[in-house]
Each structure stands twice: as C-alpha cells, then as structure tokens.
Amino acid sequence: NMLMPWLHRTAHQIVEEPYKSPGGRAFGQMMRALRRRQALQIMTANVSVGLQQLTGLSLAMANQNIKARYLAGAIVRFTREPVEMTKRINESSIFMRNRIATHAIEVQRTIDNIPMNPSQMEKAVDFFNEHGYFMQVGTQAFVDRVTWAAAYEKAMADSGNHQQAVDIADSTVRETQGSFEPADISSFEAGNALVRNM
C-alpha cells in the first residue's frame, strides 16, 4: 500500500492518475480547472498565506544540518546581497538552480495540463495562474535560499568539502521545505482529478 503507489508515481512522473475514457478525461479537465481556480481565488495577493511561508524557517531550524547562527548569518547576507547570494547558490547547486527557476505553480501547471495551441483566453488564464501566487513564491524563494546557505555554511565548517556541503544543503532544503517531484508527495496528495479536488 505504501511502496507500490510510490514506485508508480516515480516511474511515471505523475501526481494525478488519468481517466481512461473520453468522458472521464473531460471530467478530469473540468476538475483540474476548478481546482486551479479555487486555489487562485484563495491565494492571490493573500498576505497571510505569503507570510506563512516564513514558518519554513522553523522547520529548517529543527533540522540537524542547520544551527541558529548559520541561519541568522544567511538571513543577514541575503538581506544585504540577494542577487549575489542567489548567483552563488545557482553556480553551486543544480537542484537549487532548478528549484529557483521553476516555481511550484509552473511545475504543477505543467504536470496538470499543457494546452498545445493555447487560445487568447487560455493565455490570459495562464498569466493569472502564474502571477497570482507572487507573494507565496517570493517568500518561499527567500526561505529556500536562506535554508540552503545556512546548511551549506555549517557543512563547510564541519567538513570543508564543497561538494559534500552542496549535497547536504540540497537535501536539507528538500527535507524541510518540500519538493515538487511526484516521488516526494504523499499518497494522500495523489489520485485522480476528483480525489485531488477534495
């Protein structure tokens, strides 16, 4: 019950089990659109939800790969030089480069549904889907970078090995801030379009 669904999601790289019949596929499209619109209505410019992303720092603090002084140092450095810090992280870590460049909303939209020839209406909907989550995406990007930098600094202090520190920092972000990969979601989050709407 645990292993087989995980193996299936990992092998097929899907989070939603597609319907087989034409009617089922149409129903699935309708459910995905409803889910996206509900989420967008709740999340767009929602300050409280954006600020909740900062609670990811407390999850990072609970991880053995981070200490408070490294986290505080990373926050100060990011506040002073966000562009330079992001550049250094991107140069060191493929995982973080992909995570920063590919936001959760874009990943979910790609997984859910990609129209091959979008109409003007679909382009407008895509614009709002992408930009409606700006507070959550911005706050989470800050938390991800600070967490990575803090874990990297601690690992460098412990071992002095750059590649090992990068691997530990990548793992720390994935463990404490979550991942967008189908293999990393719980079975509760997967299922067909109707189940995922509940």
N, C-alpha and C. Protein backbone atom coordinates (compact mmCIF):
# COMPACT_ATOMS: atom_id res chain seq x y z
N ASN A 1 0.82 -1.22 0.00
CA ASN A 1 0.00 0.00 0.00
C ASN A 1 0.85 1.27 0.00
N MET A 2 2.05 1.19 0.54
CA MET A 2 2.91 2.36 0.54
C MET A 2 3.91 2.35 -0.62
N LEU A 3 4.54 1.21 -0.84
CA LEU A 3 5.62 1.13 -1.81
C LEU A 3 5.14 1.20 -3.25
N MET A 4 4.11 0.45 -3.60
CA MET A 4 3.67 0.38 -4.99
C MET A 4 3.17 1.73 -5.53
N PRO A 5 2.34 2.49 -4.80
CA PRO A 5 1.95 3.80 -5.32
C PRO A 5 3.15 4.74 -5.51
N TRP A 6 4.10 4.66 -4.57
CA TRP A 6 5.30 5.49 -4.69
C TRP A 6 6.11 5.11 -5.93
N LEU A 7 6.30 3.82 -6.14
CA LEU A 7 7.02 3.35 -7.32
C LEU A 7 6.31 3.77 -8.61
N HIS A 8 4.98 3.70 -8.59
CA HIS A 8 4.20 4.09 -9.77
C HIS A 8 4.39 5.58 -10.08
N ARG A 9 4.28 6.44 -9.05
CA ARG A 9 4.47 7.89 -9.26
C ARG A 9 5.89 8.19 -9.72
N THR A 10 6.86 7.49 -9.16
CA THR A 10 8.26 7.71 -9.52
C THR A 10 8.53 7.29 -10.96
N ALA A 11 8.05 6.12 -11.33
CA ALA A 11 8.29 5.60 -12.68
C ALA A 11 7.59 6.43 -13.75
N HIS A 12 6.36 6.86 -13.48
CA HIS A 12 5.58 7.58 -14.49
C HIS A 12 5.68 9.10 -14.37
N GLN A 13 6.25 9.59 -13.26
CA GLN A 13 6.41 11.03 -13.02
C GLN A 13 5.07 11.77 -13.16
N ILE A 14 4.04 11.22 -12.49
CA ILE A 14 2.72 11.86 -12.48
C ILE A 14 2.21 11.91 -11.05
N VAL A 15 1.43 12.93 -10.76
CA VAL A 15 0.80 13.02 -9.45
C VAL A 15 -0.69 12.74 -9.55
N GLU A 16 -1.22 12.77 -10.77
CA GLU A 16 -2.64 12.55 -10.97
C GLU A 16 -2.86 11.37 -11.89
N GLU A 17 -3.65 10.43 -11.44
CA GLU A 17 -3.95 9.24 -12.23
C GLU A 17 -4.98 9.64 -13.30
N PRO A 18 -4.63 9.53 -14.59
CA PRO A 18 -5.55 9.98 -15.64
C PRO A 18 -6.74 9.04 -15.81
N TYR A 19 -7.86 9.64 -16.19
CA TYR A 19 -9.03 8.85 -16.55
C TYR A 19 -8.81 8.25 -17.93
N LYS A 20 -9.39 7.08 -18.17
CA LYS A 20 -9.16 6.36 -19.44
C LYS A 20 -10.17 6.73 -20.52
N SER A 21 -11.44 6.93 -20.16
CA SER A 21 -12.48 7.17 -21.16
C SER A 21 -12.49 8.64 -21.58
N PRO A 22 -13.04 8.93 -22.77
CA PRO A 22 -13.15 10.33 -23.21
C PRO A 22 -13.97 11.18 -22.24
N GLY A 23 -15.06 10.61 -21.72
CA GLY A 23 -15.88 11.34 -20.74
C GLY A 23 -15.11 11.59 -19.46
N GLY A 24 -14.35 10.59 -19.04
CA GLY A 24 -13.52 10.74 -17.85
C GLY A 24 -12.45 11.80 -18.02
N ARG A 25 -11.83 11.84 -19.20
CA ARG A 25 -10.80 12.86 -19.46
C ARG A 25 -11.40 14.26 -19.43
N ALA A 26 -12.61 14.41 -20.00
CA ALA A 26 -13.28 15.71 -19.96
C ALA A 26 -13.61 16.10 -18.52
N PHE A 27 -14.08 15.13 -17.75
CA PHE A 27 -14.38 15.37 -16.33
C PHE A 27 -13.10 15.75 -15.58
N GLY A 28 -12.00 15.07 -15.88
CA GLY A 28 -10.72 15.38 -15.25
C GLY A 28 -10.27 16.80 -15.56
N GLN A 29 -10.43 17.22 -16.82
CA GLN A 29 -10.07 18.60 -17.19
C GLN A 29 -10.91 19.61 -16.41
N MET A 30 -12.20 19.32 -16.29
CA MET A 30 -13.07 20.22 -15.55
C MET A 30 -12.65 20.30 -14.08
N MET A 31 -12.32 19.16 -13.47
CA MET A 31 -11.90 19.13 -12.07
C MET A 31 -10.57 19.87 -11.86
N ARG A 32 -9.63 19.70 -12.81
CA ARG A 32 -8.35 20.42 -12.71
C ARG A 32 -8.55 21.93 -12.80
N ALA A 33 -9.42 22.35 -13.73
CA ALA A 33 -9.69 23.78 -13.87
C ALA A 33 -10.34 24.33 -12.61
N LEU A 34 -11.28 23.60 -12.05
CA LEU A 34 -11.94 24.02 -10.81
C LEU A 34 -10.93 24.13 -9.67
N ARG A 35 -10.06 23.14 -9.57
CA ARG A 35 -9.03 23.13 -8.51
C ARG A 35 -8.10 24.34 -8.64
N ARG A 36 -7.63 24.61 -9.87
CA ARG A 36 -6.74 25.76 -10.10
C ARG A 36 -7.43 27.07 -9.75
N ARG A 37 -8.69 27.20 -10.15
CA ARG A 37 -9.41 28.46 -9.90
C ARG A 37 -9.70 28.66 -8.42
N GLN A 38 -10.03 27.58 -7.73
CA GLN A 38 -10.24 27.68 -6.28
C GLN A 38 -8.96 28.11 -5.58
N ALA A 39 -7.87 27.48 -5.94
CA ALA A 39 -6.58 27.81 -5.32
C ALA A 39 -6.19 29.25 -5.62
N LEU A 40 -6.38 29.67 -6.87
CA LEU A 40 -6.03 31.04 -7.25
C LEU A 40 -6.87 32.05 -6.49
N GLN A 41 -8.15 31.76 -6.31
CA GLN A 41 -9.03 32.67 -5.58
C GLN A 41 -8.56 32.82 -4.13
N ILE A 42 -8.14 31.73 -3.52
CA ILE A 42 -7.68 31.78 -2.13
C ILE A 42 -6.32 32.44 -2.00
N MET A 43 -5.41 32.16 -2.93
CA MET A 43 -4.02 32.54 -2.78
C MET A 43 -3.64 33.91 -3.33
N THR A 44 -4.37 34.42 -4.30
CA THR A 44 -3.96 35.66 -4.96
C THR A 44 -3.86 36.81 -3.97
N ALA A 45 -2.67 37.39 -3.91
CA ALA A 45 -2.37 38.55 -3.06
C ALA A 45 -2.79 38.32 -1.60
N ASN A 46 -2.71 37.09 -1.14
CA ASN A 46 -3.09 36.76 0.22
C ASN A 46 -1.86 36.91 1.12
N VAL A 47 -1.81 38.01 1.86
CA VAL A 47 -0.65 38.33 2.68
C VAL A 47 -0.41 37.28 3.75
N SER A 48 -1.47 36.83 4.40
CA SER A 48 -1.30 35.86 5.50
C SER A 48 -0.71 34.55 4.99
N VAL A 49 -1.14 34.10 3.82
CA VAL A 49 -0.60 32.87 3.26
C VAL A 49 0.86 33.08 2.85
N GLY A 50 1.16 34.25 2.30
CA GLY A 50 2.54 34.56 1.95
C GLY A 50 3.45 34.56 3.17
N LEU A 51 2.97 35.13 4.25
CA LEU A 51 3.78 35.17 5.47
C LEU A 51 3.93 33.80 6.11
N GLN A 52 2.94 32.93 5.89
CA GLN A 52 3.03 31.57 6.43
C GLN A 52 4.21 30.81 5.85
N GLN A 53 4.66 31.21 4.66
CA GLN A 53 5.82 30.55 4.06
C GLN A 53 7.05 30.72 4.95
N LEU A 54 7.08 31.79 5.73
CA LEU A 54 8.22 32.04 6.62
C LEU A 54 8.33 30.99 7.72
N THR A 55 7.24 30.27 7.99
CA THR A 55 7.32 29.23 9.01
C THR A 55 8.27 28.11 8.57
N GLY A 56 8.62 28.10 7.30
CA GLY A 56 9.61 27.14 6.81
C GLY A 56 10.95 27.30 7.49
N LEU A 57 11.22 28.50 8.00
CA LEU A 57 12.48 28.72 8.73
C LEU A 57 12.51 27.91 10.02
N SER A 58 11.35 27.77 10.67
CA SER A 58 11.31 26.97 11.90
C SER A 58 11.55 25.50 11.60
N LEU A 59 11.06 25.02 10.45
CA LEU A 59 11.33 23.65 10.04
C LEU A 59 12.82 23.46 9.75
N ALA A 60 13.41 24.47 9.15
CA ALA A 60 14.85 24.41 8.88
C ALA A 60 15.64 24.35 10.18
N MET A 61 15.21 25.13 11.18
CA MET A 61 15.91 25.14 12.47
C MET A 61 15.85 23.78 13.16
N ALA A 62 14.80 23.03 12.92
CA ALA A 62 14.66 21.72 13.55
C ALA A 62 15.56 20.67 12.91
N ASN A 63 16.12 20.98 11.74
CA ASN A 63 16.98 20.05 11.04
C ASN A 63 18.38 20.05 11.63
N GLN A 64 18.98 18.89 11.73
CA GLN A 64 20.31 18.77 12.34
C GLN A 64 21.40 19.43 11.51
N ASN A 65 21.14 19.71 10.22
CA ASN A 65 22.15 20.30 9.36
C ASN A 65 22.25 21.81 9.47
N ILE A 66 21.43 22.42 10.33
CA ILE A 66 21.43 23.88 10.46
C ILE A 66 21.51 24.26 11.93
N LYS A 67 22.27 25.30 12.20
CA LYS A 67 22.30 25.88 13.54
C LYS A 67 21.84 27.33 13.43
N ALA A 68 21.35 27.86 14.55
CA ALA A 68 20.77 29.21 14.55
C ALA A 68 21.73 30.27 14.03
N ARG A 69 22.99 30.17 14.41
CA ARG A 69 23.93 31.22 13.99
C ARG A 69 24.15 31.21 12.48
N TYR A 70 24.14 30.02 11.87
CA TYR A 70 24.29 29.95 10.42
C TYR A 70 23.05 30.49 9.71
N LEU A 71 21.89 30.20 10.26
CA LEU A 71 20.64 30.69 9.68
C LEU A 71 20.57 32.21 9.79
N ALA A 72 20.92 32.74 10.96
CA ALA A 72 20.93 34.20 11.14
C ALA A 72 21.91 34.86 10.18
N GLY A 73 23.08 34.26 10.03
CA GLY A 73 24.07 34.79 9.09
C GLY A 73 23.57 34.79 7.66
N ALA A 74 22.89 33.70 7.28
CA ALA A 74 22.35 33.60 5.92
C ALA A 74 21.27 34.65 5.68
N ILE A 75 20.44 34.89 6.68
CA ILE A 75 19.39 35.92 6.54
C ILE A 75 20.01 37.29 6.34
N VAL A 76 21.03 37.60 7.14
CA VAL A 76 21.72 38.90 7.01
C VAL A 76 22.36 39.02 5.64
N ARG A 77 23.05 37.98 5.19
CA ARG A 77 23.71 38.04 3.87
C ARG A 77 22.69 38.18 2.75
N PHE A 78 21.57 37.45 2.85
CA PHE A 78 20.56 37.56 1.80
C PHE A 78 19.94 38.96 1.78
N THR A 79 19.74 39.54 2.95
CA THR A 79 19.17 40.89 3.03
C THR A 79 20.11 41.91 2.39
N ARG A 80 21.40 41.72 2.58
CA ARG A 80 22.39 42.67 2.06
C ARG A 80 22.68 42.48 0.57
N GLU A 81 22.74 41.22 0.13
CA GLU A 81 23.12 40.95 -1.25
C GLU A 81 22.33 39.78 -1.85
N PRO A 82 21.03 39.99 -2.09
CA PRO A 82 20.20 38.87 -2.57
C PRO A 82 20.61 38.36 -3.95
N VAL A 83 21.00 39.25 -4.84
CA VAL A 83 21.35 38.82 -6.20
C VAL A 83 22.64 38.00 -6.19
N GLU A 84 23.64 38.50 -5.46
CA GLU A 84 24.93 37.79 -5.41
C GLU A 84 24.78 36.43 -4.73
N MET A 85 24.01 36.38 -3.65
CA MET A 85 23.81 35.13 -2.95
C MET A 85 23.09 34.12 -3.84
N THR A 86 22.06 34.57 -4.54
CA THR A 86 21.33 33.70 -5.46
C THR A 86 22.25 33.18 -6.55
N LYS A 87 23.11 34.05 -7.07
CA LYS A 87 24.05 33.66 -8.11
C LYS A 87 25.02 32.59 -7.61
N ARG A 88 25.55 32.76 -6.40
CA ARG A 88 26.47 31.78 -5.83
C ARG A 88 25.77 30.42 -5.62
N ILE A 89 24.54 30.48 -5.13
CA ILE A 89 23.78 29.24 -4.91
C ILE A 89 23.54 28.54 -6.25
N ASN A 90 23.12 29.29 -7.26
CA ASN A 90 22.84 28.71 -8.58
C ASN A 90 24.09 28.09 -9.20
N GLU A 91 25.25 28.72 -8.98
CA GLU A 91 26.50 28.19 -9.52
C GLU A 91 26.91 26.89 -8.82
N SER A 92 26.56 26.77 -7.56
CA SER A 92 26.97 25.61 -6.77
C SER A 92 26.02 24.43 -6.90
N SER A 93 24.73 24.68 -7.07
CA SER A 93 23.74 23.61 -6.95
C SER A 93 22.78 23.57 -8.13
N ILE A 94 22.80 22.47 -8.86
CA ILE A 94 21.83 22.26 -9.95
C ILE A 94 20.42 22.17 -9.38
N PHE A 95 20.27 21.46 -8.25
CA PHE A 95 18.96 21.32 -7.60
C PHE A 95 18.35 22.69 -7.30
N MET A 96 19.14 23.58 -6.69
CA MET A 96 18.60 24.89 -6.33
C MET A 96 18.37 25.77 -7.56
N ARG A 97 19.22 25.63 -8.56
CA ARG A 97 19.04 26.39 -9.80
C ARG A 97 17.70 26.02 -10.42
N ASN A 98 17.40 24.72 -10.45
CA ASN A 98 16.12 24.27 -11.00
C ASN A 98 14.96 24.68 -10.11
N ARG A 99 15.15 24.61 -8.80
CA ARG A 99 14.08 24.95 -7.87
C ARG A 99 13.74 26.44 -7.94
N ILE A 100 14.75 27.26 -8.03
CA ILE A 100 14.54 28.71 -8.10
C ILE A 100 13.92 29.10 -9.43
N ALA A 101 14.41 28.48 -10.52
CA ALA A 101 13.92 28.84 -11.86
C ALA A 101 12.53 28.30 -12.13
N THR A 102 12.17 27.20 -11.50
CA THR A 102 10.89 26.55 -11.76
C THR A 102 10.05 26.58 -10.50
N HIS A 103 9.15 27.53 -10.43
CA HIS A 103 8.33 27.68 -9.24
C HIS A 103 7.27 26.59 -9.16
N ALA A 104 6.77 26.39 -7.99
CA ALA A 104 5.79 25.32 -7.74
C ALA A 104 4.57 25.44 -8.64
N ILE A 105 4.12 26.64 -8.87
CA ILE A 105 2.91 26.82 -9.67
C ILE A 105 3.15 26.39 -11.10
N GLU A 106 4.31 26.74 -11.66
CA GLU A 106 4.63 26.36 -13.02
C GLU A 106 4.77 24.85 -13.14
N VAL A 107 5.39 24.23 -12.16
CA VAL A 107 5.55 22.78 -12.18
C VAL A 107 4.19 22.10 -12.14
N GLN A 108 3.32 22.54 -11.22
CA GLN A 108 2.01 21.92 -11.09
C GLN A 108 1.19 22.12 -12.36
N ARG A 109 1.29 23.31 -12.96
CA ARG A 109 0.55 23.57 -14.19
C ARG A 109 1.04 22.67 -15.31
N THR A 110 2.35 22.45 -15.39
CA THR A 110 2.91 21.59 -16.41
C THR A 110 2.45 20.16 -16.22
N ILE A 111 2.45 19.71 -14.98
CA ILE A 111 2.03 18.33 -14.68
C ILE A 111 0.55 18.16 -14.97
N ASP A 112 -0.25 19.13 -14.57
CA ASP A 112 -1.71 19.01 -14.71
C ASP A 112 -2.17 19.03 -16.16
N ASN A 113 -1.75 20.06 -16.90
CA ASN A 113 -2.33 20.21 -18.23
C ASN A 113 -1.52 21.21 -19.03
N ILE A 114 -1.11 20.80 -20.24
CA ILE A 114 -0.40 21.73 -21.12
C ILE A 114 -1.19 21.83 -22.42
N PRO A 115 -1.86 22.96 -22.68
CA PRO A 115 -2.53 23.09 -23.96
C PRO A 115 -1.51 23.27 -25.08
N MET A 116 -1.64 22.53 -26.15
CA MET A 116 -0.66 22.59 -27.23
C MET A 116 -0.76 23.89 -28.03
N ASN A 117 -1.97 24.36 -28.27
CA ASN A 117 -2.17 25.61 -29.00
C ASN A 117 -3.11 26.49 -28.19
N PRO A 118 -2.57 27.20 -27.19
CA PRO A 118 -3.45 27.96 -26.31
C PRO A 118 -4.15 29.12 -27.02
N SER A 119 -5.42 29.31 -26.69
CA SER A 119 -6.17 30.45 -27.20
C SER A 119 -5.79 31.70 -26.40
N GLN A 120 -6.31 32.85 -26.81
CA GLN A 120 -6.04 34.10 -26.08
C GLN A 120 -6.58 33.99 -24.65
N MET A 121 -7.73 33.35 -24.49
CA MET A 121 -8.31 33.18 -23.16
C MET A 121 -7.40 32.30 -22.30
N GLU A 122 -6.91 31.21 -22.87
CA GLU A 122 -6.01 30.33 -22.13
C GLU A 122 -4.72 31.04 -21.75
N LYS A 123 -4.22 31.91 -22.64
CA LYS A 123 -3.01 32.68 -22.32
C LYS A 123 -3.28 33.63 -21.16
N ALA A 124 -4.45 34.26 -21.15
CA ALA A 124 -4.80 35.17 -20.05
C ALA A 124 -4.94 34.40 -18.74
N VAL A 125 -5.57 33.25 -18.79
CA VAL A 125 -5.72 32.42 -17.59
C VAL A 125 -4.35 31.98 -17.08
N ASP A 126 -3.46 31.59 -18.00
CA ASP A 126 -2.11 31.19 -17.61
C ASP A 126 -1.37 32.34 -16.94
N PHE A 127 -1.54 33.56 -17.45
CA PHE A 127 -0.89 34.72 -16.85
C PHE A 127 -1.32 34.88 -15.40
N PHE A 128 -2.63 34.81 -15.16
CA PHE A 128 -3.12 34.96 -13.78
C PHE A 128 -2.73 33.78 -12.91
N ASN A 129 -2.71 32.57 -13.48
CA ASN A 129 -2.26 31.41 -12.71
C ASN A 129 -0.82 31.58 -12.27
N GLU A 130 0.02 32.10 -13.16
CA GLU A 130 1.44 32.24 -12.84
C GLU A 130 1.70 33.38 -11.87
N HIS A 131 1.02 34.50 -12.06
CA HIS A 131 1.34 35.69 -11.26
C HIS A 131 0.47 35.87 -10.03
N GLY A 132 -0.56 35.05 -9.88
CA GLY A 132 -1.42 35.17 -8.72
C GLY A 132 -0.76 34.75 -7.42
N TYR A 133 0.28 33.95 -7.51
CA TYR A 133 0.95 33.41 -6.34
C TYR A 133 2.23 34.16 -6.00
N PHE A 134 2.35 35.41 -6.43
CA PHE A 134 3.62 36.12 -6.31
C PHE A 134 4.10 36.23 -4.87
N MET A 135 3.20 36.40 -3.91
CA MET A 135 3.63 36.51 -2.51
C MET A 135 4.19 35.19 -1.99
N GLN A 136 3.50 34.11 -2.27
CA GLN A 136 3.94 32.81 -1.79
C GLN A 136 5.27 32.42 -2.44
N VAL A 137 5.38 32.64 -3.75
CA VAL A 137 6.59 32.27 -4.48
C VAL A 137 7.78 33.09 -3.99
N GLY A 138 7.58 34.39 -3.81
CA GLY A 138 8.67 35.25 -3.35
C GLY A 138 9.14 34.90 -1.95
N THR A 139 8.19 34.68 -1.05
CA THR A 139 8.56 34.35 0.33
C THR A 139 9.22 32.99 0.40
N GLN A 140 8.69 32.02 -0.34
CA GLN A 140 9.28 30.68 -0.32
C GLN A 140 10.68 30.69 -0.93
N ALA A 141 10.90 31.50 -1.95
CA ALA A 141 12.23 31.60 -2.55
C ALA A 141 13.23 32.12 -1.52
N PHE A 142 12.84 33.10 -0.74
CA PHE A 142 13.70 33.62 0.33
C PHE A 142 14.04 32.52 1.33
N VAL A 143 13.02 31.79 1.79
CA VAL A 143 13.23 30.73 2.78
C VAL A 143 14.14 29.63 2.21
N ASP A 144 13.91 29.25 0.95
CA ASP A 144 14.74 28.21 0.32
C ASP A 144 16.20 28.62 0.28
N ARG A 145 16.46 29.85 -0.16
CA ARG A 145 17.85 30.30 -0.31
C ARG A 145 18.55 30.42 1.04
N VAL A 146 17.85 30.97 2.02
CA VAL A 146 18.45 31.13 3.34
C VAL A 146 18.73 29.76 3.97
N THR A 147 17.78 28.84 3.83
CA THR A 147 17.97 27.49 4.36
C THR A 147 19.16 26.81 3.70
N TRP A 148 19.25 26.92 2.39
CA TRP A 148 20.36 26.30 1.66
C TRP A 148 21.69 26.89 2.11
N ALA A 149 21.76 28.22 2.18
CA ALA A 149 23.02 28.87 2.56
C ALA A 149 23.45 28.49 3.97
N ALA A 150 22.49 28.42 4.89
CA ALA A 150 22.82 28.06 6.28
C ALA A 150 23.33 26.63 6.37
N ALA A 151 22.66 25.71 5.68
CA ALA A 151 23.10 24.30 5.70
C ALA A 151 24.46 24.15 5.03
N TYR A 152 24.68 24.89 3.96
CA TYR A 152 25.97 24.84 3.26
C TYR A 152 27.10 25.34 4.16
N GLU A 153 26.87 26.47 4.81
CA GLU A 153 27.91 27.04 5.68
C GLU A 153 28.24 26.09 6.83
N LYS A 154 27.25 25.48 7.43
CA LYS A 154 27.52 24.55 8.53
C LYS A 154 28.28 23.33 8.02
N ALA A 155 27.86 22.81 6.87
CA ALA A 155 28.55 21.63 6.32
C ALA A 155 29.99 21.96 5.94
N MET A 156 30.23 23.14 5.42
CA MET A 156 31.60 23.55 5.09
C MET A 156 32.44 23.68 6.35
N ALA A 157 31.83 24.22 7.41
CA ALA A 157 32.55 24.34 8.68
C ALA A 157 32.87 22.97 9.26
N ASP A 158 31.96 22.01 9.06
CA ASP A 158 32.17 20.66 9.60
C ASP A 158 33.19 19.85 8.79
N SER A 159 33.07 19.91 7.44
CA SER A 159 33.89 19.01 6.62
C SER A 159 34.90 19.72 5.73
N GLY A 160 34.57 20.93 5.29
CA GLY A 160 35.44 21.65 4.36
C GLY A 160 35.35 21.12 2.94
N ASN A 161 34.46 20.19 2.66
CA ASN A 161 34.31 19.60 1.34
C ASN A 161 33.15 20.28 0.62
N HIS A 162 33.44 21.01 -0.46
CA HIS A 162 32.42 21.80 -1.16
C HIS A 162 31.29 20.92 -1.68
N GLN A 163 31.60 19.84 -2.40
CA GLN A 163 30.55 19.01 -2.98
C GLN A 163 29.69 18.35 -1.92
N GLN A 164 30.30 17.90 -0.86
CA GLN A 164 29.54 17.29 0.24
C GLN A 164 28.62 18.34 0.88
N ALA A 165 29.12 19.58 1.03
CA ALA A 165 28.31 20.66 1.60
C ALA A 165 27.13 20.99 0.70
N VAL A 166 27.35 20.99 -0.62
CA VAL A 166 26.26 21.25 -1.57
C VAL A 166 25.19 20.16 -1.46
N ASP A 167 25.64 18.90 -1.41
CA ASP A 167 24.69 17.77 -1.30
C ASP A 167 23.87 17.86 -0.01
N ILE A 168 24.53 18.20 1.09
CA ILE A 168 23.82 18.33 2.38
C ILE A 168 22.84 19.49 2.32
N ALA A 169 23.24 20.61 1.74
CA ALA A 169 22.35 21.78 1.64
C ALA A 169 21.14 21.47 0.76
N ASP A 170 21.36 20.81 -0.38
CA ASP A 170 20.25 20.42 -1.25
C ASP A 170 19.27 19.52 -0.50
N SER A 171 19.82 18.53 0.19
CA SER A 171 18.99 17.59 0.94
C SER A 171 18.21 18.30 2.04
N THR A 172 18.84 19.25 2.70
CA THR A 172 18.18 19.98 3.78
C THR A 172 16.98 20.78 3.25
N VAL A 173 17.16 21.44 2.11
CA VAL A 173 16.04 22.21 1.53
C VAL A 173 14.92 21.26 1.15
N ARG A 174 15.26 20.15 0.51
CA ARG A 174 14.24 19.19 0.09
C ARG A 174 13.48 18.61 1.28
N GLU A 175 14.20 18.29 2.35
CA GLU A 175 13.58 17.69 3.52
C GLU A 175 12.73 18.68 4.32
N THR A 176 13.19 19.92 4.42
CA THR A 176 12.48 20.88 5.28
C THR A 176 11.47 21.75 4.53
N GLN A 177 11.68 21.99 3.25
CA GLN A 177 10.80 22.88 2.50
C GLN A 177 9.92 22.15 1.50
N GLY A 178 10.11 20.86 1.38
CA GLY A 178 9.28 20.09 0.47
C GLY A 178 9.88 20.04 -0.92
N SER A 179 9.28 19.20 -1.74
CA SER A 179 9.75 19.01 -3.10
C SER A 179 8.54 18.95 -4.01
N PHE A 180 8.75 19.25 -5.27
CA PHE A 180 7.65 19.25 -6.24
C PHE A 180 7.63 17.97 -7.07
N GLU A 181 8.52 17.04 -6.74
CA GLU A 181 8.62 15.81 -7.52
C GLU A 181 7.50 14.84 -7.16
N PRO A 182 6.96 14.12 -8.15
CA PRO A 182 5.91 13.14 -7.88
C PRO A 182 6.32 12.09 -6.84
N ALA A 183 7.60 11.73 -6.82
CA ALA A 183 8.06 10.71 -5.86
C ALA A 183 8.04 11.23 -4.43
N ASP A 184 8.00 12.53 -4.24
CA ASP A 184 8.11 13.11 -2.90
C ASP A 184 6.78 13.49 -2.27
N ILE A 185 5.68 13.33 -3.00
CA ILE A 185 4.39 13.66 -2.40
C ILE A 185 3.81 12.43 -1.72
N SER A 186 2.91 12.66 -0.81
CA SER A 186 2.27 11.53 -0.11
C SER A 186 1.16 10.94 -0.99
N SER A 187 0.79 9.72 -0.69
CA SER A 187 -0.31 9.08 -1.43
C SER A 187 -1.61 9.86 -1.27
N PHE A 188 -1.76 10.53 -0.13
CA PHE A 188 -2.95 11.33 0.14
C PHE A 188 -3.09 12.46 -0.87
N GLU A 189 -1.96 13.00 -1.36
CA GLU A 189 -1.98 14.12 -2.31
C GLU A 189 -2.18 13.66 -3.74
N ALA A 190 -2.02 12.37 -4.00
CA ALA A 190 -2.14 11.84 -5.36
C ALA A 190 -3.55 11.31 -5.58
N GLY A 191 -3.78 10.77 -6.76
CA GLY A 191 -5.08 10.20 -7.09
C GLY A 191 -5.61 10.79 -8.37
N ASN A 192 -6.88 10.53 -8.68
CA ASN A 192 -7.46 11.11 -9.88
C ASN A 192 -7.88 12.56 -9.60
N ALA A 193 -8.37 13.23 -10.64
CA ALA A 193 -8.69 14.65 -10.52
C ALA A 193 -9.76 14.92 -9.46
N LEU A 194 -10.73 14.05 -9.33
CA LEU A 194 -11.78 14.24 -8.32
C LEU A 194 -11.20 14.10 -6.92
N VAL A 195 -10.39 13.09 -6.68
CA VAL A 195 -9.79 12.87 -5.36
C VAL A 195 -8.90 14.06 -4.98
N ARG A 196 -8.12 14.57 -5.94
CA ARG A 196 -7.21 15.69 -5.65
C ARG A 196 -7.98 16.98 -5.38
N ASN A 197 -9.24 17.07 -5.77
CA ASN A 197 -10.05 18.26 -5.51
C ASN A 197 -10.62 18.26 -4.10
N MET A 198 -10.59 17.13 -3.43
CA MET A 198 -11.22 17.03 -2.11
C MET A 198 -10.29 17.43 -1.00
